[in-house]
Amino acid sequence: MELLKLAALDAEDLTVISAHLQDAVLRAGDLTYLAAEHRFVLAVRRFDWSIRDGEAPRRRLAGVHFERVLGVRTRGIAPGQGAETALSLLAVTFEPVDAPSGTVTLIFSGGAAIRLDVECIEVRMKDLGPVWETESQPVHAPDLEPGPPPRLGAAPN
């Protein structure tokens, strides 16, 4: 498969990027908010969901950046937390506030979340090249329905 390069300018586009980032793993040190540039960036090791039956599961290094970010709030990821703390990204959602502005939420396993207050949706994801085999493919319970993004400041369920 060629390197993937995606852009999102609306909520529908963002769901495509979210699908490709589902089960991406990263370290807390791979997250950076560049306040002066209104940009939030992360480097992830995303699971390659395009594998065919019989192919070994694999991951790809990818870069993701969110533009026009006005503020960042976190839950379950403390400032100064160890850079090596592992995170598993489950979904990226958008909730409009005063269109086109709103909140992009990065939802992680274990109840952690990052909320980005944005002027509008402007996201880019790009594979950076390295590909490697992994031992297993993520598995999700088929009866689980996605719910609303977690409320920041609330205790995880």
N, C-alpha and C. Protein backbone atom coordinates (compact mmCIF):
# COMPACT_ATOMS: atom_id res chain seq x y z
N MET A 1 0.84 -1.18 0.00
CA MET A 1 0.00 0.00 0.00
C MET A 1 0.88 1.24 0.00
N GLU A 2 0.46 2.23 -0.76
CA GLU A 2 1.19 3.49 -0.79
C GLU A 2 0.98 4.23 0.52
N LEU A 3 1.81 5.24 0.72
CA LEU A 3 1.67 6.05 1.92
C LEU A 3 0.35 6.81 1.87
N LEU A 4 -0.34 6.81 2.99
CA LEU A 4 -1.63 7.48 3.09
C LEU A 4 -1.43 8.94 3.44
N LYS A 5 -2.17 9.81 2.79
CA LYS A 5 -2.12 11.25 3.06
C LYS A 5 -3.56 11.76 3.00
N LEU A 6 -4.09 12.18 4.16
CA LEU A 6 -5.50 12.59 4.25
C LEU A 6 -5.63 13.99 4.84
N ALA A 7 -6.70 14.67 4.46
CA ALA A 7 -7.03 15.97 5.03
C ALA A 7 -8.50 15.98 5.39
N ALA A 8 -8.83 16.69 6.46
CA ALA A 8 -10.23 16.83 6.89
C ALA A 8 -10.54 18.31 7.06
N LEU A 9 -11.63 18.73 6.41
CA LEU A 9 -12.09 20.11 6.53
C LEU A 9 -13.52 20.18 7.05
N ASP A 10 -14.12 19.01 7.34
CA ASP A 10 -15.45 18.97 7.94
C ASP A 10 -15.58 17.69 8.77
N ALA A 11 -16.69 17.57 9.47
CA ALA A 11 -16.89 16.43 10.38
C ALA A 11 -16.88 15.10 9.65
N GLU A 12 -17.44 15.07 8.45
CA GLU A 12 -17.46 13.83 7.68
C GLU A 12 -16.05 13.39 7.31
N ASP A 13 -15.22 14.33 6.87
CA ASP A 13 -13.82 14.01 6.57
C ASP A 13 -13.11 13.50 7.82
N LEU A 14 -13.41 14.12 8.95
CA LEU A 14 -12.74 13.75 10.20
C LEU A 14 -13.04 12.31 10.59
N THR A 15 -14.24 11.82 10.28
CA THR A 15 -14.56 10.42 10.60
C THR A 15 -13.68 9.46 9.80
N VAL A 16 -13.27 9.85 8.60
CA VAL A 16 -12.37 9.01 7.80
C VAL A 16 -11.00 8.95 8.47
N ILE A 17 -10.49 10.11 8.88
CA ILE A 17 -9.20 10.12 9.57
C ILE A 17 -9.30 9.34 10.87
N SER A 18 -10.39 9.52 11.61
CA SER A 18 -10.59 8.78 12.86
C SER A 18 -10.53 7.28 12.63
N ALA A 19 -11.15 6.80 11.56
CA ALA A 19 -11.14 5.36 11.26
C ALA A 19 -9.72 4.86 11.03
N HIS A 20 -8.91 5.65 10.34
CA HIS A 20 -7.53 5.23 10.08
C HIS A 20 -6.66 5.33 11.33
N LEU A 21 -7.05 6.16 12.28
CA LEU A 21 -6.28 6.30 13.51
C LEU A 21 -6.77 5.39 14.63
N GLN A 22 -7.87 4.69 14.42
CA GLN A 22 -8.39 3.80 15.47
C GLN A 22 -7.31 2.80 15.86
N ASP A 23 -7.07 2.70 17.16
CA ASP A 23 -6.08 1.79 17.75
C ASP A 23 -4.64 2.22 17.51
N ALA A 24 -4.43 3.47 17.12
CA ALA A 24 -3.06 3.99 17.03
C ALA A 24 -2.48 4.06 18.43
N VAL A 25 -1.21 3.76 18.55
CA VAL A 25 -0.53 3.85 19.84
C VAL A 25 0.51 4.96 19.76
N LEU A 26 0.70 5.60 20.91
CA LEU A 26 1.67 6.68 21.00
C LEU A 26 2.10 6.84 22.44
N ARG A 27 3.09 7.68 22.65
CA ARG A 27 3.54 8.02 24.00
C ARG A 27 3.10 9.44 24.30
N ALA A 28 2.93 9.74 25.57
CA ALA A 28 2.53 11.10 25.95
C ALA A 28 3.52 12.12 25.40
N GLY A 29 4.78 11.75 25.26
CA GLY A 29 5.79 12.64 24.72
C GLY A 29 5.64 12.89 23.23
N ASP A 30 4.75 12.15 22.56
CA ASP A 30 4.52 12.33 21.12
C ASP A 30 3.46 13.38 20.83
N LEU A 31 2.95 14.04 21.87
CA LEU A 31 1.91 15.07 21.74
C LEU A 31 2.52 16.44 21.99
N THR A 32 2.22 17.41 21.14
CA THR A 32 2.75 18.76 21.33
C THR A 32 1.72 19.80 20.93
N TYR A 33 1.51 20.78 21.80
CA TYR A 33 0.66 21.92 21.47
C TYR A 33 1.57 23.11 21.19
N LEU A 34 1.51 23.62 19.98
CA LEU A 34 2.28 24.79 19.57
C LEU A 34 1.34 25.99 19.61
N ALA A 35 1.18 26.56 20.80
CA ALA A 35 0.18 27.61 21.02
C ALA A 35 0.38 28.80 20.10
N ALA A 36 1.61 29.24 19.90
CA ALA A 36 1.86 30.42 19.06
C ALA A 36 1.44 30.18 17.61
N GLU A 37 1.47 28.91 17.19
CA GLU A 37 1.10 28.56 15.82
C GLU A 37 -0.34 28.05 15.72
N HIS A 38 -1.03 27.97 16.87
CA HIS A 38 -2.41 27.45 16.92
C HIS A 38 -2.46 26.05 16.30
N ARG A 39 -1.49 25.21 16.68
CA ARG A 39 -1.37 23.87 16.09
C ARG A 39 -1.14 22.84 17.19
N PHE A 40 -1.79 21.68 17.03
CA PHE A 40 -1.58 20.54 17.92
C PHE A 40 -1.09 19.39 17.05
N VAL A 41 0.04 18.81 17.41
CA VAL A 41 0.63 17.75 16.58
C VAL A 41 0.87 16.49 17.41
N LEU A 42 0.82 15.36 16.72
CA LEU A 42 1.15 14.10 17.36
C LEU A 42 1.73 13.14 16.33
N ALA A 43 2.59 12.27 16.83
CA ALA A 43 3.15 11.19 16.01
C ALA A 43 2.58 9.90 16.57
N VAL A 44 2.04 9.06 15.70
CA VAL A 44 1.39 7.82 16.14
C VAL A 44 1.92 6.63 15.37
N ARG A 45 1.71 5.48 15.93
CA ARG A 45 1.97 4.22 15.24
C ARG A 45 0.59 3.62 15.00
N ARG A 46 0.06 3.89 13.81
CA ARG A 46 -1.32 3.49 13.54
C ARG A 46 -1.38 2.06 13.03
N PHE A 47 -2.46 1.37 13.39
CA PHE A 47 -2.68 0.03 12.86
C PHE A 47 -3.12 0.18 11.42
N ASP A 48 -2.57 -0.62 10.52
CA ASP A 48 -2.92 -0.55 9.10
C ASP A 48 -4.13 -1.44 8.85
N TRP A 49 -5.31 -0.82 8.83
CA TRP A 49 -6.56 -1.57 8.66
C TRP A 49 -6.77 -2.05 7.24
N SER A 50 -5.88 -1.73 6.32
CA SER A 50 -6.05 -2.15 4.93
C SER A 50 -5.48 -3.54 4.65
N ILE A 51 -4.98 -4.23 5.67
CA ILE A 51 -4.41 -5.56 5.43
C ILE A 51 -5.48 -6.52 4.92
N ARG A 52 -5.05 -7.43 4.10
CA ARG A 52 -5.96 -8.44 3.54
C ARG A 52 -5.87 -9.71 4.37
N ASP A 53 -6.87 -10.57 4.22
CA ASP A 53 -6.85 -11.86 4.91
C ASP A 53 -5.55 -12.58 4.57
N GLY A 54 -4.92 -13.14 5.57
CA GLY A 54 -3.70 -13.89 5.37
C GLY A 54 -2.44 -13.04 5.50
N GLU A 55 -2.57 -11.71 5.43
CA GLU A 55 -1.41 -10.85 5.59
C GLU A 55 -1.13 -10.64 7.08
N ALA A 56 0.14 -10.47 7.39
CA ALA A 56 0.52 -10.22 8.78
C ALA A 56 0.04 -8.82 9.19
N PRO A 57 -0.47 -8.69 10.43
CA PRO A 57 -0.87 -7.36 10.90
C PRO A 57 0.35 -6.44 10.93
N ARG A 58 0.12 -5.15 10.69
CA ARG A 58 1.25 -4.23 10.67
C ARG A 58 0.82 -2.84 11.15
N ARG A 59 1.82 -2.08 11.52
CA ARG A 59 1.63 -0.69 11.94
C ARG A 59 2.46 0.21 11.05
N ARG A 60 2.05 1.48 11.00
CA ARG A 60 2.74 2.49 10.21
C ARG A 60 2.94 3.73 11.07
N LEU A 61 4.08 4.36 10.92
CA LEU A 61 4.31 5.64 11.58
C LEU A 61 3.58 6.73 10.81
N ALA A 62 2.83 7.56 11.53
CA ALA A 62 2.08 8.64 10.88
C ALA A 62 2.16 9.91 11.71
N GLY A 63 2.10 11.03 11.04
CA GLY A 63 2.04 12.32 11.70
C GLY A 63 0.65 12.90 11.52
N VAL A 64 0.14 13.56 12.55
CA VAL A 64 -1.19 14.17 12.50
C VAL A 64 -1.05 15.58 13.05
N HIS A 65 -1.66 16.55 12.36
CA HIS A 65 -1.68 17.89 12.94
C HIS A 65 -3.03 18.55 12.75
N PHE A 66 -3.41 19.23 13.81
CA PHE A 66 -4.67 19.96 13.88
C PHE A 66 -4.32 21.45 13.83
N GLU A 67 -4.92 22.17 12.91
CA GLU A 67 -4.67 23.61 12.75
C GLU A 67 -5.79 24.40 13.41
N ARG A 68 -5.54 25.70 13.59
CA ARG A 68 -6.54 26.65 14.11
C ARG A 68 -7.03 26.26 15.51
N VAL A 69 -6.10 25.74 16.31
CA VAL A 69 -6.42 25.31 17.67
C VAL A 69 -6.30 26.51 18.61
N LEU A 70 -7.38 26.80 19.32
CA LEU A 70 -7.42 27.95 20.22
C LEU A 70 -7.09 27.58 21.66
N GLY A 71 -7.28 26.31 22.02
CA GLY A 71 -7.01 25.87 23.37
C GLY A 71 -7.04 24.36 23.46
N VAL A 72 -6.40 23.84 24.51
CA VAL A 72 -6.30 22.39 24.72
C VAL A 72 -6.65 22.08 26.17
N ARG A 73 -7.49 21.08 26.37
CA ARG A 73 -7.82 20.58 27.71
C ARG A 73 -7.61 19.08 27.71
N THR A 74 -7.19 18.56 28.84
CA THR A 74 -6.93 17.12 28.92
C THR A 74 -7.62 16.50 30.12
N ARG A 75 -7.84 15.20 30.02
CA ARG A 75 -8.31 14.40 31.15
C ARG A 75 -7.53 13.10 31.13
N GLY A 76 -6.94 12.75 32.25
CA GLY A 76 -6.20 11.51 32.34
C GLY A 76 -4.81 11.57 31.74
N ILE A 77 -4.41 12.76 31.29
CA ILE A 77 -3.06 12.98 30.77
C ILE A 77 -2.59 14.26 31.44
N ALA A 78 -1.75 14.12 32.47
CA ALA A 78 -1.34 15.27 33.26
C ALA A 78 -0.14 15.97 32.64
N PRO A 79 -0.11 17.32 32.72
CA PRO A 79 1.09 18.03 32.28
C PRO A 79 2.29 17.51 33.05
N GLY A 80 3.37 17.30 32.37
CA GLY A 80 4.57 16.77 33.01
C GLY A 80 4.54 15.27 33.22
N GLN A 81 3.46 14.62 32.77
CA GLN A 81 3.36 13.16 32.89
C GLN A 81 4.53 12.55 32.13
N GLY A 82 4.98 11.41 32.55
CA GLY A 82 6.11 10.77 31.90
C GLY A 82 5.93 10.68 30.39
N ALA A 83 6.95 11.11 29.67
CA ALA A 83 6.90 11.11 28.20
C ALA A 83 6.72 9.72 27.64
N GLU A 84 7.08 8.70 28.40
CA GLU A 84 6.99 7.32 27.91
C GLU A 84 5.63 6.67 28.20
N THR A 85 4.72 7.39 28.87
CA THR A 85 3.40 6.84 29.17
C THR A 85 2.69 6.46 27.87
N ALA A 86 2.25 5.20 27.78
CA ALA A 86 1.61 4.71 26.56
C ALA A 86 0.14 5.12 26.50
N LEU A 87 -0.30 5.48 25.30
CA LEU A 87 -1.69 5.85 25.05
C LEU A 87 -2.18 5.09 23.83
N SER A 88 -3.46 4.73 23.84
CA SER A 88 -4.07 4.05 22.69
C SER A 88 -5.27 4.88 22.25
N LEU A 89 -5.20 5.40 21.03
CA LEU A 89 -6.25 6.27 20.50
C LEU A 89 -7.41 5.44 19.98
N LEU A 90 -8.61 5.74 20.45
CA LEU A 90 -9.80 5.00 20.03
C LEU A 90 -10.58 5.73 18.95
N ALA A 91 -10.70 7.05 19.07
CA ALA A 91 -11.50 7.80 18.10
C ALA A 91 -11.17 9.28 18.17
N VAL A 92 -11.51 9.97 17.09
CA VAL A 92 -11.42 11.43 17.01
C VAL A 92 -12.80 11.93 16.61
N THR A 93 -13.39 12.79 17.44
CA THR A 93 -14.75 13.27 17.18
C THR A 93 -14.78 14.79 17.11
N PHE A 94 -15.89 15.31 16.59
CA PHE A 94 -16.08 16.76 16.53
C PHE A 94 -17.48 17.10 17.02
N GLU A 95 -17.54 18.12 17.85
CA GLU A 95 -18.83 18.63 18.32
C GLU A 95 -18.88 20.13 18.02
N PRO A 96 -19.76 20.55 17.11
CA PRO A 96 -19.83 21.98 16.78
C PRO A 96 -20.33 22.79 17.97
N VAL A 97 -19.80 24.00 18.11
CA VAL A 97 -20.25 24.90 19.17
C VAL A 97 -20.93 26.10 18.54
N ASP A 98 -20.22 26.81 17.71
CA ASP A 98 -20.76 27.95 16.96
C ASP A 98 -20.15 27.82 15.57
N ALA A 99 -20.79 27.00 14.73
CA ALA A 99 -20.23 26.59 13.44
C ALA A 99 -19.58 27.77 12.71
N PRO A 100 -18.38 27.55 12.17
CA PRO A 100 -17.70 26.27 12.02
C PRO A 100 -16.82 25.89 13.20
N SER A 101 -16.81 26.70 14.27
CA SER A 101 -15.96 26.36 15.42
C SER A 101 -16.58 25.22 16.22
N GLY A 102 -15.77 24.65 17.09
CA GLY A 102 -16.25 23.55 17.90
C GLY A 102 -15.13 22.91 18.68
N THR A 103 -15.36 21.67 19.08
CA THR A 103 -14.40 20.93 19.88
C THR A 103 -14.09 19.60 19.22
N VAL A 104 -12.81 19.38 18.97
CA VAL A 104 -12.32 18.08 18.50
C VAL A 104 -11.87 17.33 19.74
N THR A 105 -12.32 16.09 19.89
CA THR A 105 -11.94 15.28 21.04
C THR A 105 -11.19 14.05 20.57
N LEU A 106 -10.00 13.85 21.14
CA LEU A 106 -9.23 12.63 20.93
C LEU A 106 -9.52 11.74 22.12
N ILE A 107 -10.13 10.59 21.88
CA ILE A 107 -10.55 9.69 22.95
C ILE A 107 -9.58 8.51 23.01
N PHE A 108 -9.02 8.30 24.20
CA PHE A 108 -8.05 7.24 24.41
C PHE A 108 -8.62 6.16 25.32
N SER A 109 -8.05 4.97 25.25
CA SER A 109 -8.47 3.91 26.16
C SER A 109 -8.16 4.34 27.59
N GLY A 110 -8.87 3.74 28.54
CA GLY A 110 -8.65 4.07 29.94
C GLY A 110 -9.31 5.36 30.38
N GLY A 111 -10.12 5.99 29.51
CA GLY A 111 -10.84 7.19 29.89
C GLY A 111 -10.10 8.50 29.66
N ALA A 112 -8.88 8.45 29.16
CA ALA A 112 -8.14 9.69 28.89
C ALA A 112 -8.72 10.36 27.65
N ALA A 113 -8.62 11.69 27.60
CA ALA A 113 -9.12 12.44 26.45
C ALA A 113 -8.38 13.76 26.33
N ILE A 114 -8.32 14.24 25.11
CA ILE A 114 -7.78 15.57 24.82
C ILE A 114 -8.84 16.31 24.03
N ARG A 115 -9.17 17.51 24.49
CA ARG A 115 -10.15 18.34 23.78
C ARG A 115 -9.43 19.53 23.19
N LEU A 116 -9.67 19.74 21.90
CA LEU A 116 -9.08 20.86 21.19
C LEU A 116 -10.20 21.83 20.81
N ASP A 117 -10.15 23.04 21.31
CA ASP A 117 -11.10 24.06 20.89
C ASP A 117 -10.56 24.63 19.59
N VAL A 118 -11.35 24.51 18.51
CA VAL A 118 -10.86 24.90 17.18
C VAL A 118 -11.77 25.94 16.53
N GLU A 119 -11.15 26.79 15.70
CA GLU A 119 -11.92 27.75 14.90
C GLU A 119 -12.77 27.02 13.89
N CYS A 120 -12.19 25.95 13.34
CA CYS A 120 -12.85 25.11 12.35
C CYS A 120 -12.04 23.83 12.23
N ILE A 121 -12.58 22.84 11.55
CA ILE A 121 -11.85 21.59 11.34
C ILE A 121 -10.82 21.79 10.24
N GLU A 122 -9.57 21.56 10.59
CA GLU A 122 -8.49 21.55 9.61
C GLU A 122 -7.44 20.58 10.14
N VAL A 123 -7.49 19.36 9.63
CA VAL A 123 -6.65 18.27 10.13
C VAL A 123 -5.96 17.60 8.96
N ARG A 124 -4.71 17.22 9.19
CA ARG A 124 -3.98 16.46 8.19
C ARG A 124 -3.32 15.26 8.85
N MET A 125 -3.36 14.14 8.15
CA MET A 125 -2.70 12.91 8.60
C MET A 125 -1.85 12.41 7.44
N LYS A 126 -0.62 12.03 7.74
CA LYS A 126 0.27 11.55 6.68
C LYS A 126 1.13 10.42 7.20
N ASP A 127 1.17 9.31 6.46
CA ASP A 127 2.10 8.24 6.79
C ASP A 127 3.51 8.76 6.53
N LEU A 128 4.42 8.40 7.42
CA LEU A 128 5.78 8.91 7.32
C LEU A 128 6.78 7.89 6.78
N GLY A 129 6.32 6.71 6.46
CA GLY A 129 7.21 5.75 5.80
C GLY A 129 7.38 4.42 6.48
N PRO A 130 7.95 4.39 7.69
CA PRO A 130 8.23 3.09 8.29
C PRO A 130 6.97 2.23 8.47
N VAL A 131 7.10 0.95 8.13
CA VAL A 131 6.04 -0.04 8.29
C VAL A 131 6.67 -1.25 8.96
N TRP A 132 5.99 -1.84 9.93
CA TRP A 132 6.53 -3.04 10.57
C TRP A 132 5.39 -3.96 10.97
N GLU A 133 5.71 -5.24 11.01
CA GLU A 133 4.72 -6.24 11.44
C GLU A 133 4.54 -6.14 12.94
N THR A 134 3.31 -6.44 13.36
CA THR A 134 2.99 -6.45 14.78
C THR A 134 2.44 -7.83 15.12
N GLU A 135 2.45 -8.16 16.39
CA GLU A 135 2.05 -9.51 16.80
C GLU A 135 0.57 -9.79 16.64
N SER A 136 -0.26 -8.77 16.81
CA SER A 136 -1.69 -9.04 16.78
C SER A 136 -2.48 -7.88 16.20
N GLN A 137 -3.72 -8.19 15.86
CA GLN A 137 -4.64 -7.19 15.34
C GLN A 137 -5.59 -6.78 16.46
N PRO A 138 -5.84 -5.48 16.63
CA PRO A 138 -6.79 -5.06 17.66
C PRO A 138 -8.17 -5.68 17.42
N VAL A 139 -8.85 -6.03 18.50
CA VAL A 139 -10.17 -6.64 18.42
C VAL A 139 -11.12 -5.80 19.26
N HIS A 140 -12.31 -5.57 18.72
CA HIS A 140 -13.33 -4.79 19.43
C HIS A 140 -14.60 -5.62 19.54
N ALA A 141 -15.30 -5.46 20.66
CA ALA A 141 -16.56 -6.16 20.85
C ALA A 141 -17.56 -5.64 19.83
N PRO A 142 -18.22 -6.52 19.07
CA PRO A 142 -19.14 -6.07 18.02
C PRO A 142 -20.40 -5.39 18.53
N ASP A 143 -20.76 -5.61 19.80
CA ASP A 143 -22.01 -5.05 20.30
C ASP A 143 -21.83 -3.67 20.94
N LEU A 144 -20.62 -3.15 20.95
CA LEU A 144 -20.40 -1.84 21.55
C LEU A 144 -20.72 -0.75 20.55
N GLU A 145 -21.53 0.18 20.97
CA GLU A 145 -21.88 1.32 20.13
C GLU A 145 -21.07 2.52 20.61
N PRO A 146 -20.54 3.32 19.68
CA PRO A 146 -19.83 4.52 20.12
C PRO A 146 -20.79 5.47 20.80
N GLY A 147 -20.34 6.08 21.86
CA GLY A 147 -21.17 7.02 22.58
C GLY A 147 -20.64 8.43 22.43
N PRO A 148 -21.21 9.36 23.18
CA PRO A 148 -20.73 10.74 23.11
C PRO A 148 -19.32 10.82 23.69
N PRO A 149 -18.57 11.85 23.34
CA PRO A 149 -17.23 11.98 23.89
C PRO A 149 -17.30 12.16 25.40
N PRO A 150 -16.29 11.70 26.12
CA PRO A 150 -16.31 11.83 27.57
C PRO A 150 -16.26 13.30 27.99
N ARG A 151 -16.92 13.61 29.10
CA ARG A 151 -16.89 14.97 29.63
C ARG A 151 -15.60 15.16 30.39
N LEU A 152 -14.90 16.24 30.11
CA LEU A 152 -13.68 16.52 30.84
C LEU A 152 -14.04 16.99 32.23
N GLY A 153 -13.24 16.57 33.18
CA GLY A 153 -13.52 16.92 34.56
C GLY A 153 -14.42 15.92 35.25
N ALA A 154 -15.03 15.03 34.49
CA ALA A 154 -15.90 14.00 35.07
C ALA A 154 -15.09 12.73 35.28
N ALA A 155 -15.49 11.95 36.23
CA ALA A 155 -14.81 10.68 36.47
C ALA A 155 -15.09 9.73 35.33
N PRO A 156 -14.08 8.95 34.91
CA PRO A 156 -14.33 7.98 33.84
C PRO A 156 -15.33 6.94 34.28
N ASN A 157 -16.08 6.41 33.32
CA ASN A 157 -17.09 5.38 33.63
C ASN A 157 -16.45 4.09 34.02
